[in-house]
N, C-alpha and C. Protein backbone atom coordinates (compact mmCIF):
# COMPACT_ATOMS: atom_id res chain seq x y z
N MET A 1 -5.78 165.31 -183.48
CA MET A 1 -4.50 165.88 -183.84
C MET A 1 -4.38 165.89 -185.36
N LYS A 2 -3.79 166.94 -185.88
CA LYS A 2 -3.67 167.13 -187.32
C LYS A 2 -2.26 166.76 -187.79
N LEU A 3 -2.22 165.92 -188.82
CA LEU A 3 -0.94 165.58 -189.44
C LEU A 3 -0.50 166.74 -190.32
N ILE A 4 0.73 167.18 -190.14
CA ILE A 4 1.29 168.25 -190.97
C ILE A 4 1.99 167.65 -192.17
N SER A 5 2.88 166.68 -191.93
CA SER A 5 3.57 166.05 -193.04
C SER A 5 4.25 164.77 -192.58
N GLU A 6 4.59 163.95 -193.57
CA GLU A 6 5.42 162.78 -193.35
C GLU A 6 6.60 162.90 -194.30
N THR A 7 7.77 162.57 -193.80
CA THR A 7 8.97 162.58 -194.63
C THR A 7 9.49 161.14 -194.65
N GLU A 8 10.64 160.96 -195.22
CA GLU A 8 11.23 159.63 -195.29
C GLU A 8 11.38 159.01 -193.89
N GLN A 9 11.80 159.84 -192.92
CA GLN A 9 12.10 159.32 -191.59
C GLN A 9 11.18 159.82 -190.48
N LEU A 10 10.34 160.83 -190.78
CA LEU A 10 9.64 161.54 -189.72
C LEU A 10 8.13 161.65 -189.96
N ILE A 11 7.42 161.78 -188.85
CA ILE A 11 6.01 162.19 -188.85
C ILE A 11 5.97 163.52 -188.11
N ILE A 12 5.31 164.49 -188.69
CA ILE A 12 5.19 165.81 -188.07
C ILE A 12 3.70 166.09 -187.91
N ARG A 13 3.28 166.26 -186.65
CA ARG A 13 1.86 166.48 -186.37
C ARG A 13 1.70 167.58 -185.31
N GLN A 14 0.50 168.12 -185.27
CA GLN A 14 0.25 169.14 -184.26
C GLN A 14 0.36 168.52 -182.86
N LEU A 15 0.80 169.35 -181.94
CA LEU A 15 0.89 168.95 -180.53
C LEU A 15 -0.50 168.84 -179.91
N THR A 16 -0.61 168.00 -178.89
CA THR A 16 -1.84 167.89 -178.10
C THR A 16 -1.43 167.93 -176.62
N LEU A 17 -2.42 168.02 -175.75
CA LEU A 17 -2.12 168.01 -174.31
C LEU A 17 -1.50 166.68 -173.88
N ASP A 18 -1.71 165.63 -174.65
CA ASP A 18 -1.10 164.33 -174.34
C ASP A 18 0.42 164.35 -174.49
N ASP A 19 0.97 165.40 -175.09
CA ASP A 19 2.41 165.51 -175.29
C ASP A 19 3.11 166.24 -174.14
N ALA A 20 2.41 166.47 -173.06
CA ALA A 20 2.94 167.25 -171.94
C ALA A 20 4.24 166.69 -171.37
N GLU A 21 4.34 165.39 -171.18
CA GLU A 21 5.56 164.82 -170.60
C GLU A 21 6.77 165.03 -171.51
N PHE A 22 6.56 164.88 -172.81
CA PHE A 22 7.67 165.14 -173.75
C PHE A 22 8.09 166.61 -173.68
N ILE A 23 7.13 167.50 -173.60
CA ILE A 23 7.42 168.95 -173.54
C ILE A 23 8.25 169.27 -172.30
N ILE A 24 7.95 168.65 -171.17
CA ILE A 24 8.76 168.86 -169.97
C ILE A 24 10.21 168.46 -170.25
N GLN A 25 10.39 167.31 -170.86
CA GLN A 25 11.74 166.81 -171.17
C GLN A 25 12.46 167.76 -172.12
N LEU A 26 11.84 168.13 -173.22
CA LEU A 26 12.49 168.96 -174.23
C LEU A 26 12.82 170.36 -173.70
N LEU A 27 11.88 171.00 -173.04
CA LEU A 27 12.08 172.38 -172.60
C LEU A 27 13.06 172.50 -171.45
N ASN A 28 13.46 171.37 -170.87
CA ASN A 28 14.46 171.39 -169.80
C ASN A 28 15.82 170.89 -170.24
N GLU A 29 15.97 170.65 -171.54
CA GLU A 29 17.28 170.28 -172.08
C GLU A 29 18.22 171.49 -171.94
N GLU A 30 19.47 171.22 -171.66
CA GLU A 30 20.46 172.30 -171.51
C GLU A 30 20.51 173.19 -172.75
N ALA A 31 20.51 172.58 -173.94
CA ALA A 31 20.59 173.36 -175.18
C ALA A 31 19.35 174.22 -175.39
N PHE A 32 18.18 173.70 -175.02
CA PHE A 32 16.95 174.48 -175.17
C PHE A 32 17.03 175.73 -174.28
N ILE A 33 17.41 175.54 -173.04
CA ILE A 33 17.50 176.67 -172.11
C ILE A 33 18.57 177.67 -172.57
N ARG A 34 19.69 177.17 -173.06
CA ARG A 34 20.77 178.06 -173.48
C ARG A 34 20.43 178.84 -174.75
N TYR A 35 19.92 178.15 -175.77
CA TYR A 35 19.74 178.78 -177.08
C TYR A 35 18.34 179.34 -177.32
N ILE A 36 17.36 178.90 -176.55
CA ILE A 36 16.00 179.42 -176.76
C ILE A 36 15.57 180.21 -175.53
N ALA A 37 15.26 179.52 -174.45
CA ALA A 37 14.90 180.21 -173.21
C ALA A 37 14.53 179.19 -172.16
N ASP A 38 14.58 179.61 -170.91
CA ASP A 38 14.05 178.78 -169.83
C ASP A 38 12.59 179.15 -169.70
N LYS A 39 11.73 178.27 -170.15
CA LYS A 39 10.28 178.51 -170.14
C LYS A 39 9.66 178.18 -168.79
N ASN A 40 10.48 177.73 -167.83
CA ASN A 40 10.00 177.37 -166.50
C ASN A 40 8.87 176.35 -166.55
N VAL A 41 9.03 175.35 -167.40
CA VAL A 41 8.07 174.26 -167.50
C VAL A 41 8.68 173.06 -166.78
N ARG A 42 8.24 172.84 -165.56
CA ARG A 42 8.82 171.78 -164.73
C ARG A 42 7.84 170.67 -164.39
N THR A 43 6.55 171.00 -164.38
CA THR A 43 5.53 170.04 -163.95
C THR A 43 4.55 169.78 -165.09
N HIS A 44 3.72 168.74 -164.89
CA HIS A 44 2.68 168.43 -165.88
C HIS A 44 1.77 169.64 -166.08
N ALA A 45 1.40 170.29 -165.00
CA ALA A 45 0.52 171.48 -165.09
C ALA A 45 1.21 172.60 -165.88
N ASP A 46 2.51 172.80 -165.66
CA ASP A 46 3.26 173.80 -166.43
C ASP A 46 3.22 173.47 -167.92
N ALA A 47 3.41 172.19 -168.26
CA ALA A 47 3.44 171.77 -169.66
C ALA A 47 2.06 171.95 -170.30
N VAL A 48 1.00 171.62 -169.59
CA VAL A 48 -0.36 171.82 -170.11
C VAL A 48 -0.60 173.30 -170.36
N ASN A 49 -0.16 174.15 -169.43
CA ASN A 49 -0.30 175.59 -169.60
C ASN A 49 0.50 176.08 -170.81
N TYR A 50 1.73 175.62 -170.95
CA TYR A 50 2.57 175.98 -172.10
C TYR A 50 1.89 175.58 -173.41
N LEU A 51 1.43 174.34 -173.48
CA LEU A 51 0.78 173.86 -174.70
C LEU A 51 -0.51 174.63 -175.01
N THR A 52 -1.32 174.86 -173.99
CA THR A 52 -2.60 175.54 -174.17
C THR A 52 -2.42 176.97 -174.64
N ASN A 53 -1.48 177.69 -174.01
CA ASN A 53 -1.29 179.11 -174.32
C ASN A 53 -0.24 179.36 -175.39
N GLY A 54 0.44 178.32 -175.83
CA GLY A 54 1.46 178.44 -176.88
C GLY A 54 0.96 177.79 -178.17
N PRO A 55 1.42 176.57 -178.44
CA PRO A 55 1.07 175.91 -179.70
C PRO A 55 -0.44 175.79 -179.98
N LEU A 56 -1.23 175.36 -178.99
CA LEU A 56 -2.66 175.18 -179.25
C LEU A 56 -3.35 176.51 -179.54
N ALA A 57 -2.97 177.56 -178.84
CA ALA A 57 -3.52 178.89 -179.12
C ALA A 57 -3.09 179.38 -180.51
N SER A 58 -1.85 179.07 -180.89
CA SER A 58 -1.35 179.47 -182.21
C SER A 58 -2.12 178.77 -183.33
N TYR A 59 -2.41 177.47 -183.15
CA TYR A 59 -3.21 176.76 -184.16
C TYR A 59 -4.56 177.45 -184.33
N ARG A 60 -5.17 177.80 -183.20
CA ARG A 60 -6.49 178.44 -183.22
C ARG A 60 -6.42 179.83 -183.86
N ASP A 61 -5.42 180.63 -183.49
CA ASP A 61 -5.35 182.02 -183.94
C ASP A 61 -4.79 182.18 -185.35
N TYR A 62 -3.82 181.33 -185.73
CA TYR A 62 -3.13 181.53 -187.00
C TYR A 62 -3.23 180.33 -187.95
N GLY A 63 -3.64 179.19 -187.44
CA GLY A 63 -3.71 177.99 -188.27
C GLY A 63 -2.41 177.22 -188.32
N PHE A 64 -1.37 177.73 -187.65
CA PHE A 64 -0.08 177.05 -187.59
C PHE A 64 0.55 177.29 -186.23
N GLY A 65 1.61 176.53 -185.95
CA GLY A 65 2.32 176.66 -184.68
C GLY A 65 3.41 175.61 -184.62
N LEU A 66 4.00 175.44 -183.46
CA LEU A 66 5.00 174.40 -183.28
C LEU A 66 4.33 173.03 -183.33
N ASN A 67 4.99 172.08 -183.96
CA ASN A 67 4.46 170.73 -184.13
C ASN A 67 5.40 169.71 -183.52
N LEU A 68 4.86 168.55 -183.18
CA LEU A 68 5.66 167.47 -182.67
C LEU A 68 6.33 166.73 -183.82
N VAL A 69 7.60 166.41 -183.67
CA VAL A 69 8.34 165.63 -184.66
C VAL A 69 8.63 164.27 -184.04
N LEU A 70 8.21 163.21 -184.75
CA LEU A 70 8.40 161.84 -184.27
C LEU A 70 9.16 161.03 -185.32
N LEU A 71 9.94 160.07 -184.84
CA LEU A 71 10.58 159.12 -185.76
C LEU A 71 9.47 158.23 -186.33
N LYS A 72 9.43 158.12 -187.64
CA LYS A 72 8.38 157.35 -188.28
C LYS A 72 8.39 155.88 -187.86
N GLU A 73 9.57 155.30 -187.80
CA GLU A 73 9.70 153.87 -187.54
C GLU A 73 9.22 153.45 -186.15
N THR A 74 9.45 154.30 -185.15
CA THR A 74 9.15 153.93 -183.76
C THR A 74 8.11 154.82 -183.08
N ALA A 75 7.71 155.91 -183.74
CA ALA A 75 6.79 156.91 -183.17
C ALA A 75 7.39 157.58 -181.93
N THR A 76 8.71 157.60 -181.84
CA THR A 76 9.40 158.24 -180.73
C THR A 76 9.42 159.75 -180.95
N PRO A 77 8.92 160.55 -179.99
CA PRO A 77 9.01 162.01 -180.13
C PRO A 77 10.46 162.46 -179.96
N ILE A 78 10.93 163.30 -180.89
CA ILE A 78 12.33 163.73 -180.85
C ILE A 78 12.50 165.24 -180.83
N GLY A 79 11.44 165.98 -181.13
CA GLY A 79 11.57 167.43 -181.16
C GLY A 79 10.29 168.12 -181.56
N ILE A 80 10.41 169.43 -181.76
CA ILE A 80 9.31 170.25 -182.23
C ILE A 80 9.80 171.11 -183.38
N CYS A 81 8.90 171.43 -184.29
CA CYS A 81 9.26 172.27 -185.43
C CYS A 81 7.98 172.86 -185.99
N GLY A 82 8.01 174.15 -186.30
CA GLY A 82 6.83 174.77 -186.87
C GLY A 82 7.01 176.26 -187.06
N LEU A 83 5.93 176.88 -187.49
CA LEU A 83 5.93 178.32 -187.69
C LEU A 83 5.31 179.00 -186.47
N LEU A 84 5.87 180.14 -186.12
CA LEU A 84 5.39 180.95 -185.00
C LEU A 84 5.03 182.34 -185.52
N LYS A 85 4.10 183.01 -184.86
CA LYS A 85 3.82 184.40 -185.18
C LYS A 85 4.12 185.22 -183.94
N ARG A 86 5.17 186.04 -184.04
CA ARG A 86 5.57 186.89 -182.91
C ARG A 86 5.26 188.35 -183.25
N GLU A 87 4.81 189.08 -182.26
CA GLU A 87 4.51 190.50 -182.46
C GLU A 87 5.73 191.28 -182.94
N GLU A 88 6.92 190.84 -182.51
CA GLU A 88 8.15 191.57 -182.83
C GLU A 88 8.59 191.41 -184.28
N LEU A 89 8.01 190.45 -185.01
CA LEU A 89 8.44 190.17 -186.37
C LEU A 89 7.31 190.42 -187.37
N ASP A 90 7.68 190.90 -188.55
CA ASP A 90 6.69 191.22 -189.58
C ASP A 90 6.07 189.99 -190.24
N TYR A 91 6.77 188.88 -190.19
CA TYR A 91 6.30 187.65 -190.84
C TYR A 91 6.42 186.49 -189.85
N PRO A 92 5.72 185.39 -190.10
CA PRO A 92 5.92 184.21 -189.26
C PRO A 92 7.38 183.77 -189.30
N ASP A 93 7.81 183.09 -188.23
CA ASP A 93 9.18 182.60 -188.25
C ASP A 93 9.21 181.12 -187.93
N LEU A 94 10.26 180.48 -188.42
CA LEU A 94 10.47 179.06 -188.23
C LEU A 94 11.13 178.81 -186.89
N GLY A 95 10.56 177.91 -186.12
CA GLY A 95 11.14 177.54 -184.84
C GLY A 95 11.30 176.04 -184.75
N TYR A 96 12.31 175.59 -184.03
CA TYR A 96 12.53 174.15 -183.88
C TYR A 96 13.44 173.91 -182.68
N ALA A 97 13.30 172.73 -182.12
CA ALA A 97 14.16 172.29 -181.02
C ALA A 97 14.09 170.77 -180.99
N PHE A 98 15.23 170.13 -180.75
CA PHE A 98 15.29 168.67 -180.73
C PHE A 98 16.03 168.20 -179.50
N LEU A 99 15.65 167.03 -179.01
CA LEU A 99 16.41 166.43 -177.92
C LEU A 99 17.85 166.25 -178.37
N THR A 100 18.79 166.51 -177.48
CA THR A 100 20.21 166.47 -177.82
C THR A 100 20.61 165.16 -178.49
N GLU A 101 20.07 164.05 -178.02
CA GLU A 101 20.47 162.75 -178.58
C GLU A 101 20.06 162.57 -180.05
N PHE A 102 19.17 163.44 -180.55
CA PHE A 102 18.72 163.34 -181.93
C PHE A 102 19.27 164.48 -182.80
N CYS A 103 20.18 165.26 -182.25
CA CYS A 103 20.81 166.34 -183.02
C CYS A 103 21.95 165.78 -183.86
N LYS A 104 22.29 166.52 -184.90
CA LYS A 104 23.39 166.18 -185.81
C LYS A 104 23.16 164.85 -186.54
N LYS A 105 21.88 164.53 -186.79
CA LYS A 105 21.54 163.32 -187.53
C LYS A 105 20.70 163.65 -188.76
N GLY A 106 20.49 164.95 -189.03
CA GLY A 106 19.72 165.37 -190.20
C GLY A 106 18.23 165.50 -189.96
N TYR A 107 17.75 165.14 -188.77
CA TYR A 107 16.31 165.20 -188.51
C TYR A 107 15.77 166.64 -188.52
N ALA A 108 16.52 167.56 -187.93
CA ALA A 108 16.06 168.95 -187.89
C ALA A 108 15.98 169.53 -189.30
N THR A 109 16.95 169.23 -190.13
CA THR A 109 16.93 169.71 -191.52
C THR A 109 15.74 169.12 -192.26
N GLU A 110 15.51 167.84 -192.09
CA GLU A 110 14.39 167.17 -192.75
C GLU A 110 13.05 167.75 -192.28
N ALA A 111 12.90 167.94 -190.98
CA ALA A 111 11.66 168.48 -190.43
C ALA A 111 11.45 169.93 -190.86
N ALA A 112 12.49 170.75 -190.74
CA ALA A 112 12.36 172.17 -191.09
C ALA A 112 12.02 172.36 -192.56
N SER A 113 12.67 171.61 -193.43
CA SER A 113 12.38 171.71 -194.87
C SER A 113 10.95 171.32 -195.16
N SER A 114 10.48 170.24 -194.55
CA SER A 114 9.12 169.78 -194.79
C SER A 114 8.09 170.77 -194.25
N VAL A 115 8.28 171.23 -193.03
CA VAL A 115 7.35 172.19 -192.43
C VAL A 115 7.29 173.47 -193.27
N LEU A 116 8.43 173.96 -193.68
CA LEU A 116 8.49 175.18 -194.48
C LEU A 116 7.69 175.00 -195.77
N ASN A 117 7.93 173.91 -196.46
CA ASN A 117 7.26 173.64 -197.72
C ASN A 117 5.75 173.52 -197.54
N VAL A 118 5.32 172.69 -196.60
CA VAL A 118 3.90 172.43 -196.40
C VAL A 118 3.16 173.65 -195.87
N GLU A 119 3.70 174.27 -194.83
CA GLU A 119 2.99 175.38 -194.17
C GLU A 119 2.96 176.65 -195.02
N MET A 120 4.01 176.92 -195.78
CA MET A 120 3.98 178.11 -196.63
C MET A 120 2.89 177.97 -197.69
N LYS A 121 2.76 176.79 -198.27
CA LYS A 121 1.69 176.55 -199.26
C LYS A 121 0.33 176.62 -198.60
N ALA A 122 0.17 175.92 -197.48
CA ALA A 122 -1.13 175.83 -196.80
C ALA A 122 -1.66 177.19 -196.36
N HIS A 123 -0.76 178.11 -196.03
CA HIS A 123 -1.18 179.41 -195.49
C HIS A 123 -0.84 180.57 -196.42
N SER A 124 -0.53 180.24 -197.68
CA SER A 124 -0.23 181.24 -198.71
C SER A 124 0.81 182.25 -198.24
N LEU A 125 1.88 181.76 -197.68
CA LEU A 125 2.96 182.62 -197.20
C LEU A 125 4.07 182.69 -198.25
N ASN A 126 4.56 183.89 -198.51
CA ASN A 126 5.70 184.06 -199.42
C ASN A 126 7.00 184.23 -198.67
N THR A 127 6.91 184.68 -197.41
CA THR A 127 8.10 184.98 -196.62
C THR A 127 7.99 184.38 -195.23
N VAL A 128 9.06 183.75 -194.79
CA VAL A 128 9.18 183.25 -193.42
C VAL A 128 10.53 183.70 -192.91
N LEU A 129 10.56 184.14 -191.66
CA LEU A 129 11.79 184.57 -191.02
C LEU A 129 12.30 183.48 -190.08
N ALA A 130 13.49 183.67 -189.58
CA ALA A 130 14.04 182.83 -188.52
C ALA A 130 15.04 183.68 -187.75
N VAL A 131 15.06 183.48 -186.44
CA VAL A 131 16.04 184.17 -185.60
C VAL A 131 16.77 183.13 -184.76
N THR A 132 18.06 183.34 -184.61
CA THR A 132 18.84 182.44 -183.78
C THR A 132 20.01 183.20 -183.18
N LEU A 133 20.41 182.79 -182.00
CA LEU A 133 21.54 183.45 -181.35
C LEU A 133 22.77 183.38 -182.24
N LEU A 134 23.60 184.40 -182.14
CA LEU A 134 24.79 184.49 -182.97
C LEU A 134 25.70 183.28 -182.81
N ASP A 135 25.79 182.74 -181.58
CA ASP A 135 26.71 181.62 -181.34
C ASP A 135 26.06 180.24 -181.47
N ASN A 136 24.83 180.18 -181.94
CA ASN A 136 24.17 178.89 -182.14
C ASN A 136 24.56 178.37 -183.52
N GLU A 137 25.75 177.80 -183.58
CA GLU A 137 26.32 177.39 -184.87
C GLU A 137 25.45 176.38 -185.61
N GLY A 138 24.87 175.43 -184.90
CA GLY A 138 24.03 174.42 -185.53
C GLY A 138 22.82 175.02 -186.22
N SER A 139 22.13 175.92 -185.54
CA SER A 139 20.95 176.55 -186.13
C SER A 139 21.32 177.49 -187.28
N ASN A 140 22.39 178.21 -187.13
CA ASN A 140 22.83 179.10 -188.21
C ASN A 140 23.15 178.28 -189.47
N ARG A 141 23.82 177.17 -189.28
CA ARG A 141 24.15 176.28 -190.41
C ARG A 141 22.90 175.69 -191.04
N LEU A 142 21.98 175.20 -190.21
CA LEU A 142 20.75 174.59 -190.71
C LEU A 142 19.95 175.58 -191.55
N LEU A 143 19.77 176.78 -191.06
CA LEU A 143 18.98 177.77 -191.78
C LEU A 143 19.58 178.08 -193.14
N GLN A 144 20.89 178.23 -193.20
CA GLN A 144 21.54 178.50 -194.49
C GLN A 144 21.41 177.30 -195.41
N LYS A 145 21.51 176.10 -194.85
CA LYS A 145 21.43 174.87 -195.64
C LYS A 145 20.07 174.73 -196.33
N ILE A 146 18.98 175.15 -195.67
CA ILE A 146 17.65 174.97 -196.25
C ILE A 146 17.18 176.19 -197.03
N GLY A 147 18.07 177.17 -197.22
CA GLY A 147 17.74 178.27 -198.12
C GLY A 147 17.42 179.61 -197.50
N PHE A 148 17.61 179.76 -196.20
CA PHE A 148 17.40 181.06 -195.57
C PHE A 148 18.59 181.96 -195.88
N GLU A 149 18.32 183.25 -196.02
CA GLU A 149 19.36 184.24 -196.30
C GLU A 149 19.53 185.14 -195.08
N LEU A 150 20.76 185.31 -194.63
CA LEU A 150 21.05 186.19 -193.49
C LEU A 150 20.78 187.63 -193.89
N LYS A 151 19.91 188.30 -193.13
CA LYS A 151 19.53 189.68 -193.43
C LYS A 151 20.19 190.69 -192.51
N GLY A 152 20.72 190.21 -191.39
CA GLY A 152 21.34 191.11 -190.43
C GLY A 152 21.15 190.57 -189.03
N THR A 153 21.24 191.46 -188.05
CA THR A 153 21.03 191.06 -186.66
C THR A 153 19.94 191.92 -186.06
N MET A 154 19.36 191.41 -184.99
CA MET A 154 18.33 192.18 -184.27
C MET A 154 18.33 191.76 -182.80
N ALA A 155 17.95 192.69 -181.96
CA ALA A 155 17.78 192.38 -180.54
C ALA A 155 16.40 191.76 -180.35
N LEU A 156 16.36 190.65 -179.66
CA LEU A 156 15.09 189.98 -179.37
C LEU A 156 15.21 189.33 -178.01
N TYR A 157 14.30 189.68 -177.11
CA TYR A 157 14.28 189.12 -175.75
C TYR A 157 15.61 189.31 -175.03
N GLY A 158 16.23 190.46 -175.25
CA GLY A 158 17.45 190.81 -174.52
C GLY A 158 18.75 190.27 -175.08
N SER A 159 18.70 189.63 -176.25
CA SER A 159 19.92 189.09 -176.86
C SER A 159 20.00 189.48 -178.33
N GLN A 160 21.24 189.59 -178.83
CA GLN A 160 21.43 189.82 -180.26
C GLN A 160 21.23 188.50 -180.99
N ASN A 161 20.50 188.54 -182.08
CA ASN A 161 20.21 187.35 -182.88
C ASN A 161 20.50 187.62 -184.34
N ASN A 162 20.86 186.59 -185.07
CA ASN A 162 20.89 186.67 -186.53
C ASN A 162 19.45 186.60 -187.01
N LEU A 163 19.13 187.44 -187.98
CA LEU A 163 17.79 187.45 -188.60
C LEU A 163 17.92 186.90 -190.01
N TYR A 164 17.19 185.83 -190.28
CA TYR A 164 17.19 185.18 -191.58
C TYR A 164 15.84 185.34 -192.25
N GLU A 165 15.85 185.26 -193.58
CA GLU A 165 14.61 185.35 -194.35
C GLU A 165 14.60 184.26 -195.43
N TYR A 166 13.44 183.67 -195.61
CA TYR A 166 13.23 182.68 -196.66
C TYR A 166 12.04 183.16 -197.49
N THR A 167 12.22 183.20 -198.80
CA THR A 167 11.10 183.57 -199.65
C THR A 167 10.83 182.44 -200.63
N SER A 168 9.57 182.19 -200.88
CA SER A 168 9.18 181.05 -201.72
C SER A 168 9.40 181.32 -203.20
N ASP A 169 9.63 182.57 -203.58
CA ASP A 169 9.81 182.88 -205.00
C ASP A 169 11.28 182.83 -205.39
N LYS A 170 12.10 182.06 -204.65
CA LYS A 170 13.53 181.92 -204.97
C LYS A 170 13.70 181.07 -206.20
């Protein structure tokens, strides 16, 4: 497993198949299903399939993907955060999701800022996008807080989303 970054409170590393049980828990959170999607990951086999064809394939194809976020002090997994490459978008986009019990504590902001900084440098990226549902107040706030600029809205996967852009030459 590859370490992406360490922050004051967090360790951010690439996901492995050993993270399957955590992925089942996270992807079945009410907020994940509401604001991201129901990925239909219910079993260990589903989680292995998700990891293999999602994050692990992204690492192989692009050198980046969603990463596991752990509390540094206890090594407790609390969420995922990383860059994604979607066919629908011209640039990679920032994605993240955290267990509800770890939301509103600053962890997502800390992880997103670190991932953005490290991965943009590592992959020579000048622009990263982010999309979030219009009513996802927490994500909209987080993106603005870390320097993303609202560019407009776009339809993605059947829903209207805010489209944000972050450029490193700010």
